[in-house]
């Protein structure tokens, strides 16, 4: 039986943002993608950092073509809608962003995000006029391709510049007016910050990044009006944490105690063997 088409995935993803709240976890390879689908999540999102670490490079160092290939692989590996962490669009100028967004749409994703960070520590954020022009270019590229891919506008000020809520809200409202379907300010943490962002951009949906030890449950976040909860690179870092601690124990203590309680080979092998026929054809 054929799985859902790209158009089906995009329609499903759009509907998920209309009401309620859902968690959109971030796999970093095909295996983690397939297992998250198995757990019953409704949609997935790529993680630029999780993918970069798996390639042995720093977050932000993945080039456009590597990222496009990765996103296409994730989108093809699941029946679920996938939102692409497309960083800053891999271009500074709006024309370059538009062309790269066009290529990202062609991977089969249901959504993609564009952020306003420059990658330059001396000037971490684009000036508002340029950031807005870049968002409009991304919107135009999506519309030209059919308009069914959701565009997320990200303000990165809490991560790379000043943790200024009023500044972030000003930018998110500008991105909303420039065509972003979903708004996202990674790094906000308090109830007051979350509720202020939700109120400022309503009726547009808000994505909330769930960091480690955040303290809120899904139900509590939903009650604040958030539509979508992502986890960024945290699941990948959970895996890295277990790997690092285990490897250090072997190297430094010469013991293998950390192997206790691991998932049996037979269990994982059976899952991927049984799951194989369900994989969509590429």
C-alpha atoms as a PDB file:
ATOM      1  CA  UNK A   1       0.000   0.000   0.000  1.00  0.00           C
ATOM      2  CA  UNK A   2       1.410   3.368  -1.023  1.00  0.00           C
ATOM      3  CA  UNK A   3       2.155   5.874   1.705  1.00  0.00           C
ATOM      4  CA  UNK A   4       0.914   9.462   1.773  1.00  0.00           C
ATOM      5  CA  UNK A   5       1.953  11.745  -1.062  1.00  0.00           C
ATOM      6  CA  UNK A   6       3.989  14.895  -0.523  1.00  0.00           C
ATOM      7  CA  UNK A   7       0.778  16.891  -0.973  1.00  0.00           C
ATOM      8  CA  UNK A   8      -0.920  14.743   1.679  1.00  0.00           C
ATOM      9  CA  UNK A   9       1.918  15.328   4.135  1.00  0.00           C
ATOM     10  CA  UNK A  10       1.773  19.068   3.577  1.00  0.00           C
ATOM     11  CA  UNK A  11      -1.979  19.187   4.058  1.00  0.00           C
ATOM     12  CA  UNK A  12      -1.644  17.157   7.267  1.00  0.00           C
ATOM     13  CA  UNK A  13       1.083  19.450   8.565  1.00  0.00           C
ATOM     14  CA  UNK A  14      -0.971  22.572   7.907  1.00  0.00           C
ATOM     15  CA  UNK A  15      -3.982  21.079   9.684  1.00  0.00           C
ATOM     16  CA  UNK A  16      -1.874  20.219  12.746  1.00  0.00           C
ATOM     17  CA  UNK A  17      -1.244  23.949  13.242  1.00  0.00           C
ATOM     18  CA  UNK A  18      -4.917  24.926  13.250  1.00  0.00           C
ATOM     19  CA  UNK A  19      -5.668  24.004  16.873  1.00  0.00           C
ATOM     20  CA  UNK A  20      -4.282  22.141  19.860  1.00  0.00           C
ATOM     21  CA  UNK A  21      -0.603  21.496  20.502  1.00  0.00           C
ATOM     22  CA  UNK A  22       1.743  18.811  19.182  1.00  0.00           C
ATOM     23  CA  UNK A  23       5.351  17.756  19.753  1.00  0.00           C
ATOM     24  CA  UNK A  24       7.595  17.711  16.696  1.00  0.00           C
ATOM     25  CA  UNK A  25      10.759  15.816  17.729  1.00  0.00           C
ATOM     26  CA  UNK A  26      14.001  16.153  15.792  1.00  0.00           C
ATOM     27  CA  UNK A  27      15.679  13.025  14.358  1.00  0.00           C
ATOM     28  CA  UNK A  28      19.175  13.263  12.927  1.00  0.00           C
ATOM     29  CA  UNK A  29      19.309  10.204  10.662  1.00  0.00           C
ATOM     30  CA  UNK A  30      17.042   7.650   9.006  1.00  0.00           C
ATOM     31  CA  UNK A  31      17.059   5.266  11.967  1.00  0.00           C
ATOM     32  CA  UNK A  32      15.976   7.878  14.490  1.00  0.00           C
ATOM     33  CA  UNK A  33      13.400   9.145  11.980  1.00  0.00           C
ATOM     34  CA  UNK A  34      11.804   5.728  11.597  1.00  0.00           C
ATOM     35  CA  UNK A  35      11.766   5.065  15.332  1.00  0.00           C
ATOM     36  CA  UNK A  36      10.100   8.397  16.135  1.00  0.00           C
ATOM     37  CA  UNK A  37       7.407   7.620  13.575  1.00  0.00           C
ATOM     38  CA  UNK A  38       6.927   4.244  15.286  1.00  0.00           C
ATOM     39  CA  UNK A  39       6.265   6.014  18.598  1.00  0.00           C
ATOM     40  CA  UNK A  40       3.242   7.782  17.155  1.00  0.00           C
ATOM     41  CA  UNK A  41       4.413  11.361  16.733  1.00  0.00           C
ATOM     42  CA  UNK A  42       2.394  13.339  14.186  1.00  0.00           C
ATOM     43  CA  UNK A  43       5.259  15.210  12.509  1.00  0.00           C
ATOM     44  CA  UNK A  44       9.052  15.477  12.634  1.00  0.00           C
ATOM     45  CA  UNK A  45      11.669  18.179  12.157  1.00  0.00           C
ATOM     46  CA  UNK A  46      15.282  17.986  11.108  1.00  0.00           C
ATOM     47  CA  UNK A  47      18.035  19.356  13.338  1.00  0.00           C
ATOM     48  CA  UNK A  48      20.979  21.153  11.782  1.00  0.00           C
ATOM     49  CA  UNK A  49      23.123  20.596  14.875  1.00  0.00           C
ATOM     50  CA  UNK A  50      22.212  16.919  15.247  1.00  0.00           C
ATOM     51  CA  UNK A  51      23.111  16.275  11.623  1.00  0.00           C
ATOM     52  CA  UNK A  52      26.318  18.314  11.845  1.00  0.00           C
ATOM     53  CA  UNK A  53      27.543  16.427  14.905  1.00  0.00           C
ATOM     54  CA  UNK A  54      26.880  13.099  13.165  1.00  0.00           C
ATOM     55  CA  UNK A  55      29.120  14.305  10.320  1.00  0.00           C
ATOM     56  CA  UNK A  56      31.876  15.297  12.733  1.00  0.00           C
ATOM     57  CA  UNK A  57      31.526  19.032  12.117  1.00  0.00           C
ATOM     58  CA  UNK A  58      30.207  21.985  14.077  1.00  0.00           C
ATOM     59  CA  UNK A  59      26.684  23.302  13.900  1.00  0.00           C
ATOM     60  CA  UNK A  60      26.547  25.881  11.129  1.00  0.00           C
ATOM     61  CA  UNK A  61      29.359  24.277   9.127  1.00  0.00           C
ATOM     62  CA  UNK A  62      27.155  22.044   6.966  1.00  0.00           C
ATOM     63  CA  UNK A  63      27.006  23.388   3.413  1.00  0.00           C
ATOM     64  CA  UNK A  64      23.827  23.822   1.407  1.00  0.00           C
ATOM     65  CA  UNK A  65      24.111  20.714  -0.734  1.00  0.00           C
ATOM     66  CA  UNK A  66      24.884  18.476   2.249  1.00  0.00           C
ATOM     67  CA  UNK A  67      21.889  19.882   4.080  1.00  0.00           C
ATOM     68  CA  UNK A  68      19.552  19.487   1.108  1.00  0.00           C
ATOM     69  CA  UNK A  69      20.605  15.846   0.673  1.00  0.00           C
ATOM     70  CA  UNK A  70      20.075  15.199   4.384  1.00  0.00           C
ATOM     71  CA  UNK A  71      16.645  16.845   4.433  1.00  0.00           C
ATOM     72  CA  UNK A  72      15.573  14.872   1.355  1.00  0.00           C
ATOM     73  CA  UNK A  73      16.709  11.637   3.000  1.00  0.00           C
ATOM     74  CA  UNK A  74      14.743  12.363   6.179  1.00  0.00           C
ATOM     75  CA  UNK A  75      11.609  13.386   4.256  1.00  0.00           C
ATOM     76  CA  UNK A  76      11.746  10.225   2.141  1.00  0.00           C
ATOM     77  CA  UNK A  77      12.238   7.957   5.162  1.00  0.00           C
ATOM     78  CA  UNK A  78       8.907   8.686   6.819  1.00  0.00           C
ATOM     79  CA  UNK A  79       5.182   8.889   6.172  1.00  0.00           C
ATOM     80  CA  UNK A  80       5.056  11.898   8.510  1.00  0.00           C
ATOM     81  CA  UNK A  81       5.329  15.557   7.529  1.00  0.00           C
ATOM     82  CA  UNK A  82       8.852  16.918   8.015  1.00  0.00           C
ATOM     83  CA  UNK A  83       9.828  20.490   8.845  1.00  0.00           C
ATOM     84  CA  UNK A  84      13.311  21.428   7.655  1.00  0.00           C
ATOM     85  CA  UNK A  85      15.722  23.330   9.880  1.00  0.00           C
ATOM     86  CA  UNK A  86      17.059  25.305   6.937  1.00  0.00           C
ATOM     87  CA  UNK A  87      19.202  27.614   9.072  1.00  0.00           C
ATOM     88  CA  UNK A  88      19.539  31.043   7.416  1.00  0.00           C
ATOM     89  CA  UNK A  89      18.709  29.819   3.941  1.00  0.00           C
ATOM     90  CA  UNK A  90      22.403  29.404   3.052  1.00  0.00           C
ATOM     91  CA  UNK A  91      22.600  32.880   1.523  1.00  0.00           C
ATOM     92  CA  UNK A  92      22.779  36.452   2.759  1.00  0.00           C
ATOM     93  CA  UNK A  93      20.896  38.150  -0.076  1.00  0.00           C
ATOM     94  CA  UNK A  94      17.148  37.642  -0.595  1.00  0.00           C
ATOM     95  CA  UNK A  95      17.647  36.283  -4.121  1.00  0.00           C
ATOM     96  CA  UNK A  96      19.958  33.573  -2.837  1.00  0.00           C
ATOM     97  CA  UNK A  97      17.535  32.697  -0.051  1.00  0.00           C
ATOM     98  CA  UNK A  98      14.706  32.401  -2.586  1.00  0.00           C
ATOM     99  CA  UNK A  99      16.681  30.039  -4.811  1.00  0.00           C
ATOM    100  CA  UNK A 100      17.749  27.850  -1.900  1.00  0.00           C
ATOM    101  CA  UNK A 101      14.230  27.740  -0.476  1.00  0.00           C
ATOM    102  CA  UNK A 102      13.041  26.565  -3.893  1.00  0.00           C
ATOM    103  CA  UNK A 103      15.531  23.708  -3.707  1.00  0.00           C
ATOM    104  CA  UNK A 104      14.447  22.864  -0.153  1.00  0.00           C
ATOM    105  CA  UNK A 105      10.788  22.713  -1.209  1.00  0.00           C
ATOM    106  CA  UNK A 106      11.791  20.212  -3.894  1.00  0.00           C
ATOM    107  CA  UNK A 107      13.078  17.783  -1.208  1.00  0.00           C
ATOM    108  CA  UNK A 108       9.475  17.018  -0.235  1.00  0.00           C
ATOM    109  CA  UNK A 109       9.351  18.779   3.126  1.00  0.00           C
ATOM    110  CA  UNK A 110       6.073  20.033   4.564  1.00  0.00           C
ATOM    111  CA  UNK A 111       7.649  23.075   6.189  1.00  0.00           C
ATOM    112  CA  UNK A 112      10.925  24.929   6.554  1.00  0.00           C
ATOM    113  CA  UNK A 113      12.356  27.603   8.821  1.00  0.00           C
ATOM    114  CA  UNK A 114      14.468  30.649   8.034  1.00  0.00           C
ATOM    115  CA  UNK A 115      16.376  32.363  10.826  1.00  0.00           C
ATOM    116  CA  UNK A 116      17.768  35.877  11.132  1.00  0.00           C
ATOM    117  CA  UNK A 117      21.221  35.030  12.482  1.00  0.00           C
ATOM    118  CA  UNK A 118      24.186  35.892  10.276  1.00  0.00           C
ATOM    119  CA  UNK A 119      26.835  33.512  11.613  1.00  0.00           C
ATOM    120  CA  UNK A 120      29.045  36.547  12.290  1.00  0.00           C
ATOM    121  CA  UNK A 121      29.776  37.006  15.998  1.00  0.00           C
ATOM    122  CA  UNK A 122      30.551  40.687  15.444  1.00  0.00           C
ATOM    123  CA  UNK A 123      27.108  41.261  13.908  1.00  0.00           C
ATOM    124  CA  UNK A 124      24.998  38.241  14.889  1.00  0.00           C
ATOM    125  CA  UNK A 125      21.638  39.350  13.453  1.00  0.00           C
ATOM    126  CA  UNK A 126      20.640  40.815  10.110  1.00  0.00           C
ATOM    127  CA  UNK A 127      19.293  44.348  10.231  1.00  0.00           C
ATOM    128  CA  UNK A 128      15.506  44.234  10.354  1.00  0.00           C
ATOM    129  CA  UNK A 129      15.013  45.512   6.802  1.00  0.00           C
ATOM    130  CA  UNK A 130      17.264  42.812   5.398  1.00  0.00           C
ATOM    131  CA  UNK A 131      15.767  40.116   7.625  1.00  0.00           C
ATOM    132  CA  UNK A 132      12.293  41.070   6.397  1.00  0.00           C
ATOM    133  CA  UNK A 133      13.428  41.074   2.759  1.00  0.00           C
ATOM    134  CA  UNK A 134      14.876  37.588   3.249  1.00  0.00           C
ATOM    135  CA  UNK A 135      11.594  36.359   4.771  1.00  0.00           C
ATOM    136  CA  UNK A 136       9.586  37.855   1.923  1.00  0.00           C
ATOM    137  CA  UNK A 137      11.897  36.165  -0.577  1.00  0.00           C
ATOM    138  CA  UNK A 138      11.369  32.806   1.143  1.00  0.00           C
ATOM    139  CA  UNK A 139       7.602  33.372   1.095  1.00  0.00           C
ATOM    140  CA  UNK A 140       7.642  34.261  -2.600  1.00  0.00           C
ATOM    141  CA  UNK A 141       9.669  31.156  -3.458  1.00  0.00           C
ATOM    142  CA  UNK A 142       7.216  28.932  -1.589  1.00  0.00           C
ATOM    143  CA  UNK A 143       4.236  30.600  -3.209  1.00  0.00           C
ATOM    144  CA  UNK A 144       5.778  30.187  -6.659  1.00  0.00           C
ATOM    145  CA  UNK A 145       6.179  26.468  -5.926  1.00  0.00           C
ATOM    146  CA  UNK A 146       2.529  26.077  -4.942  1.00  0.00           C
ATOM    147  CA  UNK A 147       2.329  27.684  -1.522  1.00  0.00           C
ATOM    148  CA  UNK A 148       1.578  24.543   0.474  1.00  0.00           C
ATOM    149  CA  UNK A 149       4.855  24.457   2.449  1.00  0.00           C
ATOM    150  CA  UNK A 150       4.647  26.169   5.849  1.00  0.00           C
ATOM    151  CA  UNK A 151       7.230  28.910   6.461  1.00  0.00           C
ATOM    152  CA  UNK A 152       8.553  29.388   9.992  1.00  0.00           C
ATOM    153  CA  UNK A 153      10.147  32.735  10.821  1.00  0.00           C
ATOM    154  CA  UNK A 154      12.819  32.493  13.511  1.00  0.00           C
ATOM    155  CA  UNK A 155      14.237  35.283  15.650  1.00  0.00           C
ATOM    156  CA  UNK A 156      17.544  34.099  17.092  1.00  0.00           C
ATOM    157  CA  UNK A 157      18.252  36.976  19.455  1.00  0.00           C
ATOM    158  CA  UNK A 158      17.992  34.859  22.631  1.00  0.00           C
ATOM    159  CA  UNK A 159      20.609  32.444  21.246  1.00  0.00           C
ATOM    160  CA  UNK A 160      23.166  34.697  19.549  1.00  0.00           C
ATOM    161  CA  UNK A 161      22.573  38.291  20.665  1.00  0.00           C
ATOM    162  CA  UNK A 162      20.667  40.007  23.464  1.00  0.00           C
ATOM    163  CA  UNK A 163      17.903  38.161  25.353  1.00  0.00           C
ATOM    164  CA  UNK A 164      15.425  40.986  24.770  1.00  0.00           C
ATOM    165  CA  UNK A 165      11.770  39.940  24.636  1.00  0.00           C
ATOM    166  CA  UNK A 166      10.454  43.210  23.162  1.00  0.00           C
ATOM    167  CA  UNK A 167      13.112  43.042  20.440  1.00  0.00           C
ATOM    168  CA  UNK A 168      12.173  39.442  19.618  1.00  0.00           C
ATOM    169  CA  UNK A 169       8.460  40.225  19.487  1.00  0.00           C
ATOM    170  CA  UNK A 170       9.047  43.185  17.156  1.00  0.00           C
ATOM    171  CA  UNK A 171      10.903  40.904  14.779  1.00  0.00           C
ATOM    172  CA  UNK A 172       8.422  38.046  14.981  1.00  0.00           C
ATOM    173  CA  UNK A 173       5.558  40.415  14.169  1.00  0.00           C
ATOM    174  CA  UNK A 174       7.520  41.738  11.192  1.00  0.00           C
ATOM    175  CA  UNK A 175       8.159  38.186   9.965  1.00  0.00           C
ATOM    176  CA  UNK A 176       4.479  37.362  10.373  1.00  0.00           C
ATOM    177  CA  UNK A 177       3.557  40.386   8.255  1.00  0.00           C
ATOM    178  CA  UNK A 178       6.177  39.282   5.694  1.00  0.00           C
ATOM    179  CA  UNK A 179       4.545  35.908   5.141  1.00  0.00           C
ATOM    180  CA  UNK A 180       5.751  33.569   7.882  1.00  0.00           C
ATOM    181  CA  UNK A 181       3.064  31.022   8.795  1.00  0.00           C
ATOM    182  CA  UNK A 182       4.654  30.019  12.127  1.00  0.00           C
ATOM    183  CA  UNK A 183       6.730  32.125  14.528  1.00  0.00           C
ATOM    184  CA  UNK A 184       9.637  30.899  16.623  1.00  0.00           C
ATOM    185  CA  UNK A 185      11.997  32.554  19.123  1.00  0.00           C
ATOM    186  CA  UNK A 186      14.284  29.781  20.388  1.00  0.00           C
ATOM    187  CA  UNK A 187      15.604  30.531  23.850  1.00  0.00           C
ATOM    188  CA  UNK A 188      12.507  31.950  25.528  1.00  0.00           C
ATOM    189  CA  UNK A 189      12.034  30.028  28.749  1.00  0.00           C
ATOM    190  CA  UNK A 190       9.570  31.569  31.200  1.00  0.00           C
ATOM    191  CA  UNK A 191       5.801  31.411  31.234  1.00  0.00           C
ATOM    192  CA  UNK A 192       5.676  35.196  30.887  1.00  0.00           C
ATOM    193  CA  UNK A 193       7.913  35.164  27.812  1.00  0.00           C
ATOM    194  CA  UNK A 194       6.015  32.322  26.148  1.00  0.00           C
ATOM    195  CA  UNK A 195       2.584  33.822  26.750  1.00  0.00           C
ATOM    196  CA  UNK A 196       3.770  37.251  25.573  1.00  0.00           C
ATOM    197  CA  UNK A 197       5.023  35.825  22.270  1.00  0.00           C
ATOM    198  CA  UNK A 198       1.838  33.818  21.726  1.00  0.00           C
ATOM    199  CA  UNK A 199      -0.307  36.894  22.388  1.00  0.00           C
ATOM    200  CA  UNK A 200       1.812  39.141  20.158  1.00  0.00           C
ATOM    201  CA  UNK A 201       1.549  37.003  17.018  1.00  0.00           C
ATOM    202  CA  UNK A 202      -1.933  35.517  17.431  1.00  0.00           C
ATOM    203  CA  UNK A 203      -3.637  34.016  15.446  1.00  0.00           C
ATOM    204  CA  UNK A 204      -0.395  32.713  13.902  1.00  0.00           C
ATOM    205  CA  UNK A 205       0.915  29.546  15.628  1.00  0.00           C
ATOM    206  CA  UNK A 206       4.063  29.588  17.770  1.00  0.00           C
ATOM    207  CA  UNK A 207       6.797  26.946  17.911  1.00  0.00           C
ATOM    208  CA  UNK A 208       8.523  26.545  21.276  1.00  0.00           C
ATOM    209  CA  UNK A 209      11.960  25.008  21.687  1.00  0.00           C
ATOM    210  CA  UNK A 210      12.018  22.621  24.639  1.00  0.00           C
ATOM    211  CA  UNK A 211      15.508  22.745  26.173  1.00  0.00           C
ATOM    212  CA  UNK A 212      16.888  20.403  28.816  1.00  0.00           C
ATOM    213  CA  UNK A 213      15.358  20.726  32.278  1.00  0.00           C
ATOM    214  CA  UNK A 214      12.757  23.230  31.098  1.00  0.00           C
ATOM    215  CA  UNK A 215      10.246  22.346  33.798  1.00  0.00           C
ATOM    216  CA  UNK A 216       6.986  22.493  31.793  1.00  0.00           C
ATOM    217  CA  UNK A 217       4.917  19.561  30.563  1.00  0.00           C
ATOM    218  CA  UNK A 218       3.279  19.359  27.153  1.00  0.00           C
ATOM    219  CA  UNK A 219      -0.096  20.041  28.778  1.00  0.00           C
ATOM    220  CA  UNK A 220       1.226  23.142  30.540  1.00  0.00           C
ATOM    221  CA  UNK A 221       2.803  24.463  27.353  1.00  0.00           C
ATOM    222  CA  UNK A 222      -0.412  23.824  25.444  1.00  0.00           C
ATOM    223  CA  UNK A 223      -2.327  25.819  28.055  1.00  0.00           C
ATOM    224  CA  UNK A 224      -0.048  28.790  27.278  1.00  0.00           C
ATOM    225  CA  UNK A 225      -1.296  28.736  23.691  1.00  0.00           C
ATOM    226  CA  UNK A 226       1.726  27.161  22.006  1.00  0.00           C
ATOM    227  CA  UNK A 227       0.847  25.080  18.942  1.00  0.00           C
ATOM    228  CA  UNK A 228       4.128  23.235  18.299  1.00  0.00           C
ATOM    229  CA  UNK A 229       6.933  22.013  20.557  1.00  0.00           C
ATOM    230  CA  UNK A 230      10.315  21.034  19.098  1.00  0.00           C
ATOM    231  CA  UNK A 231      13.416  19.735  20.869  1.00  0.00           C
ATOM    232  CA  UNK A 232      16.189  20.882  18.518  1.00  0.00           C
ATOM    233  CA  UNK A 233      19.395  18.908  18.914  1.00  0.00           C
ATOM    234  CA  UNK A 234      18.524  17.620  22.392  1.00  0.00           C
ATOM    235  CA  UNK A 235      17.601  14.061  21.392  1.00  0.00           C
ATOM    236  CA  UNK A 236      20.836  13.826  19.412  1.00  0.00           C
ATOM    237  CA  UNK A 237      22.731  15.142  22.431  1.00  0.00           C
ATOM    238  CA  UNK A 238      20.995  12.604  24.678  1.00  0.00           C
ATOM    239  CA  UNK A 239      22.473   9.911  22.417  1.00  0.00           C
ATOM    240  CA  UNK A 240      25.865  11.632  22.416  1.00  0.00           C
ATOM    241  CA  UNK A 241      25.772  11.884  26.223  1.00  0.00           C
ATOM    242  CA  UNK A 242      25.297   8.132  26.608  1.00  0.00           C
ATOM    243  CA  UNK A 243      28.012   7.426  24.028  1.00  0.00           C
ATOM    244  CA  UNK A 244      30.529   9.844  25.581  1.00  0.00           C
ATOM    245  CA  UNK A 245      29.957   8.642  29.133  1.00  0.00           C
ATOM    246  CA  UNK A 246      30.259   5.006  28.103  1.00  0.00           C
ATOM    247  CA  UNK A 247      33.385   5.551  26.001  1.00  0.00           C
ATOM    248  CA  UNK A 248      35.029   7.604  28.766  1.00  0.00           C
ATOM    249  CA  UNK A 249      34.324   4.849  31.283  1.00  0.00           C
ATOM    250  CA  UNK A 250      36.060   2.297  29.070  1.00  0.00           C
ATOM    251  CA  UNK A 251      39.007   4.590  28.297  1.00  0.00           C
ATOM    252  CA  UNK A 252      39.535   5.938  31.806  1.00  0.00           C
ATOM    253  CA  UNK A 253      38.424   3.085  34.073  1.00  0.00           C
ATOM    254  CA  UNK A 254      38.736  -0.001  31.910  1.00  0.00           C
ATOM    255  CA  UNK A 255      35.238  -1.190  32.786  1.00  0.00           C
ATOM    256  CA  UNK A 256      32.071  -1.742  30.791  1.00  0.00           C
ATOM    257  CA  UNK A 257      29.405  -1.077  33.426  1.00  0.00           C
ATOM    258  CA  UNK A 258      27.666   1.443  31.181  1.00  0.00           C
ATOM    259  CA  UNK A 259      26.600  -1.395  28.854  1.00  0.00           C
ATOM    260  CA  UNK A 260      24.040  -2.544  31.436  1.00  0.00           C
ATOM    261  CA  UNK A 261      20.464  -1.824  30.458  1.00  0.00           C
ATOM    262  CA  UNK A 262      21.129  -1.118  26.799  1.00  0.00           C
ATOM    263  CA  UNK A 263      18.542  -2.018  24.205  1.00  0.00           C
ATOM    264  CA  UNK A 264      19.256  -5.589  23.010  1.00  0.00           C
ATOM    265  CA  UNK A 265      20.603  -6.032  19.487  1.00  0.00           C
ATOM    266  CA  UNK A 266      17.768  -8.436  18.694  1.00  0.00           C
ATOM    267  CA  UNK A 267      15.120  -5.875  19.647  1.00  0.00           C
ATOM    268  CA  UNK A 268      16.545  -3.129  17.435  1.00  0.00           C
ATOM    269  CA  UNK A 269      17.266  -5.556  14.625  1.00  0.00           C
ATOM    270  CA  UNK A 270      13.713  -6.887  14.733  1.00  0.00           C
ATOM    271  CA  UNK A 271      12.281  -3.369  14.645  1.00  0.00           C
ATOM    272  CA  UNK A 272      14.253  -2.322  11.587  1.00  0.00           C
ATOM    273  CA  UNK A 273      13.706  -5.679   9.861  1.00  0.00           C
ATOM    274  CA  UNK A 274       9.936  -5.532  10.398  1.00  0.00           C
ATOM    275  CA  UNK A 275       9.816  -1.835   9.560  1.00  0.00           C
ATOM    276  CA  UNK A 276      11.670  -2.171   6.251  1.00  0.00           C
ATOM    277  CA  UNK A 277       8.648  -3.028   4.055  1.00  0.00           C
ATOM    278  CA  UNK A 278       6.862   0.074   5.337  1.00  0.00           C
ATOM    279  CA  UNK A 279       9.514   2.480   4.111  1.00  0.00           C
ATOM    280  CA  UNK A 280       8.305   4.695   1.269  1.00  0.00           C
ATOM    281  CA  UNK A 281      10.016   4.216  -2.044  1.00  0.00           C
ATOM    282  CA  UNK A 282      12.312   7.050  -3.109  1.00  0.00           C
END
